Structure formats: C-alpha cells, structure tokens
Amino acid sequence: MAYTITLNSPAETEAFAASLAELLEPRDLLTLEGDLGAGKTTFTKGLAKGLGIQRMVNSPTFTILKQYSGRLELNHFDVYRLENSDEDIGFDEFFSSEAVSVVEWAIFIEEYLPTERLEITITRQSEQERKIILHPIGRRYENLCKELNLS
C-alpha cells in the first residue's frame, strides 16, 4: 500500500519530514526518488531538523555521503554519481549502524539496499506544490506510515 500527501511549499515539505523524523529509530532507511529540483534535499533538511541536527544540511552530490549528529545520527547519501557503477562503499556497514540513513537516487544502488525500507517519491506539481508518495516495505515502515495518520 502507498500513501500520498500533497504539500504546498518547501516549508510544508520540511515540516512533514520533521514530523516523520520524530518517529524514526536507529537503522531506519528512507530512500528518496524524484527529478532534479523535486525537493529531495529540502525533505532531508526537514528530517535533520526533526532529528535535532543543528548543522546546515546540503546535498552530498560530490562526496556521496555526509553524516550529521542529532538525537540520532543521520547518514545522508546522494548516489547519483554511482549510476552505471558497481562500486560498493560499504553500504552494509552504514545501513546496519545505529544511524538513520537517507539515500537520494537509491535506484542506482538497489542491489545494496536492505529489503525493508520506506521508499519516498517526490514529484514536482508546480513551483511550490509537491506530491509525496510513501511506499513502506516491511512491517516497521507500514506502522510508521500509520503513526503519521496518512490515509
């Protein structure tokens, strides 16, 4: 089952992500898909705020991974540059750590992803409006979506 929500501004996107972050636990994995400029990094900024991270969050496009400390550690991956690559940078180690992991462009490392995760697709509807589809894979993530009171 998938859950869909429409958000009308970057601020709403960040607020929704922050409310999701309050429910996250160690080893949770969120994948983010969407075109360039869809709002993946804006979503991650909201997650970071919800995790109590004070540092500025920006896309790790050229470094692939940035790590942040808050209520929980956050591993923020942008694996766009790994398209058509079979390079494993130790994903298993990161995904099994106590951190929450967020992976932008996860489709490029599908073979390294744990089976259970929350897949999030962000679609740009207009300059401000975004449609967010949450597709929980596994009981943990189904329960997480239910806690968010999504219909």
Protein backbone atom coordinates (compact mmCIF):
# COMPACT_ATOMS: atom_id res chain seq x y z
CA MET A 1 0.00 0.00 0.00
CA ALA A 2 1.24 3.50 -0.78
CA TYR A 3 0.38 6.74 1.00
CA THR A 4 0.15 10.05 -0.83
CA ILE A 5 0.32 13.57 0.55
CA THR A 6 0.32 16.90 -1.26
CA LEU A 7 2.40 19.72 0.23
CA ASN A 8 2.11 23.32 -0.92
CA SER A 9 5.51 24.82 -0.10
CA PRO A 10 9.09 23.96 0.81
CA ALA A 11 8.20 24.90 4.41
CA GLU A 12 5.37 22.32 4.41
CA THR A 13 7.73 19.73 2.97
CA GLU A 14 10.27 20.39 5.73
CA ALA A 15 7.56 20.33 8.42
CA PHE A 16 6.20 16.99 7.17
CA ALA A 17 9.70 15.50 7.10
CA ALA A 18 10.40 16.84 10.61
CA SER A 19 7.24 15.13 11.92
CA LEU A 20 8.37 11.89 10.26
CA ALA A 21 11.82 12.26 11.85
CA GLU A 22 10.29 12.32 15.33
CA LEU A 23 9.14 8.73 14.73
CA LEU A 24 12.43 7.41 13.34
CA GLU A 25 14.55 4.84 15.12
CA PRO A 26 18.14 3.63 14.74
CA ARG A 27 18.78 1.71 11.48
CA ASP A 28 15.73 3.16 9.73
CA LEU A 29 16.27 3.57 5.99
CA LEU A 30 14.48 6.06 3.77
CA THR A 31 15.05 6.23 0.04
CA LEU A 32 14.24 9.37 -1.93
CA GLU A 33 13.45 9.44 -5.62
CA GLY A 34 12.43 12.39 -7.74
CA ASP A 35 13.67 14.56 -10.57
CA LEU A 36 16.34 17.19 -10.05
CA GLY A 37 14.76 20.03 -8.09
CA ALA A 38 11.86 17.89 -6.84
CA GLY A 39 12.70 18.57 -3.20
CA LYS A 40 14.76 15.59 -2.02
CA THR A 41 17.28 17.77 -0.20
CA THR A 42 14.52 20.02 1.20
CA PHE A 43 12.89 16.87 2.58
CA THR A 44 16.20 15.78 4.12
CA LYS A 45 16.67 19.21 5.71
CA GLY A 46 13.31 18.73 7.42
CA LEU A 47 14.33 15.27 8.62
CA ALA A 48 17.53 16.75 10.04
CA LYS A 49 15.58 19.43 11.91
CA GLY A 50 13.28 16.78 13.33
CA LEU A 51 16.33 14.81 14.49
CA GLY A 52 17.68 17.88 16.28
CA ILE A 53 20.59 18.38 13.88
CA GLN A 54 21.92 21.93 14.07
CA ARG A 55 24.35 21.86 11.13
CA MET A 56 23.42 23.11 7.67
CA VAL A 57 22.28 20.19 5.52
CA ASN A 58 23.01 20.21 1.81
CA SER A 59 23.22 17.57 -0.88
CA PRO A 60 26.32 15.35 -0.76
CA THR A 61 26.34 15.09 -4.57
CA PHE A 62 30.11 15.25 -4.95
CA THR A 63 31.04 13.42 -1.75
CA ILE A 64 28.27 10.76 -1.90
CA LEU A 65 27.85 10.77 1.91
CA LYS A 66 27.51 13.38 4.63
CA GLN A 67 26.99 12.46 8.27
CA TYR A 68 25.27 14.54 10.93
CA SER A 69 24.76 14.23 14.68
CA GLY A 70 21.48 14.86 16.48
CA ARG A 71 19.01 12.82 18.53
CA LEU A 72 20.06 10.09 16.12
CA GLU A 73 22.98 10.09 13.70
CA LEU A 74 21.99 10.76 10.08
CA ASN A 75 23.75 9.28 7.06
CA HIS A 76 22.73 11.36 4.02
CA PHE A 77 23.69 9.70 0.74
CA ASP A 78 23.36 11.11 -2.75
CA VAL A 79 24.35 8.23 -5.03
CA TYR A 80 23.52 9.92 -8.32
CA ARG A 81 27.19 9.77 -9.33
CA LEU A 82 27.19 5.98 -8.86
CA GLU A 83 24.87 5.40 -11.84
CA ASN A 84 26.34 2.62 -14.01
CA SER A 85 28.90 1.87 -11.29
CA ASP A 86 29.27 -1.30 -9.27
CA GLU A 87 31.25 0.41 -6.53
CA ASP A 88 30.26 -0.64 -3.01
CA ILE A 89 31.45 1.96 -0.49
CA GLY A 90 30.48 -0.25 2.46
CA PHE A 91 26.75 0.33 2.33
CA ASP A 92 26.03 -2.69 4.57
CA GLU A 93 28.10 -1.16 7.35
CA PHE A 94 26.26 2.15 7.12
CA PHE A 95 22.80 0.59 6.89
CA SER A 96 23.42 -1.68 9.89
CA SER A 97 24.77 1.15 12.08
CA GLU A 98 22.68 2.92 14.72
CA ALA A 99 22.16 5.85 12.34
CA VAL A 100 19.14 6.72 10.25
CA SER A 101 20.06 6.58 6.56
CA VAL A 102 18.54 8.64 3.77
CA VAL A 103 19.52 7.73 0.21
CA GLU A 104 18.82 10.07 -2.69
CA TRP A 105 18.71 8.33 -6.10
CA ALA A 106 18.59 4.92 -4.38
CA ILE A 107 17.65 3.28 -7.67
CA PHE A 108 21.35 3.38 -8.57
CA ILE A 109 22.35 1.13 -5.63
CA GLU A 110 19.27 -1.10 -5.48
CA GLU A 111 21.37 -4.25 -5.04
CA TYR A 112 22.93 -2.88 -1.82
CA LEU A 113 19.70 -1.77 -0.14
CA PRO A 114 18.13 -3.74 2.71
CA THR A 115 14.84 -5.33 1.76
CA GLU A 116 12.83 -3.34 4.32
CA ARG A 117 12.73 0.43 3.93
CA LEU A 118 10.49 3.42 3.36
CA GLU A 119 10.59 4.42 -0.30
CA ILE A 120 9.62 8.05 -0.84
CA THR A 121 8.97 9.56 -4.25
CA ILE A 122 8.70 13.33 -4.58
CA THR A 123 7.03 14.79 -7.66
CA ARG A 124 7.02 18.45 -8.53
CA GLN A 125 3.43 19.50 -9.28
CA SER A 126 4.15 23.25 -9.61
CA GLU A 127 6.71 25.79 -8.45
CA GLN A 128 5.64 25.28 -4.81
CA GLU A 129 3.47 22.16 -4.72
CA ARG A 130 4.91 18.66 -4.25
CA LYS A 131 3.25 15.26 -4.24
CA ILE A 132 4.93 12.82 -1.88
CA ILE A 133 4.28 9.10 -2.15
CA LEU A 134 5.41 6.90 0.71
CA HIS A 135 5.73 3.21 -0.09
CA PRO A 136 6.51 1.23 3.06
CA ILE A 137 8.29 -2.08 2.60
CA GLY A 138 8.09 -4.16 5.77
CA ARG A 139 6.01 -4.04 8.93
CA ARG A 140 8.20 -1.41 10.64
CA TYR A 141 7.61 1.08 7.83
CA GLU A 142 3.92 0.24 7.45
CA ASN A 143 3.49 1.03 11.15
CA LEU A 144 5.50 4.22 10.72
CA CYS A 145 3.13 5.43 8.00
CA LYS A 146 0.13 4.58 10.18
CA GLU A 147 1.64 6.63 13.03
CA LEU A 148 1.76 9.59 10.65
CA ASN A 149 -2.04 9.22 10.24
CA LEU A 150 -1.82 9.06 6.45
CA SER A 151 -4.88 7.78 4.64
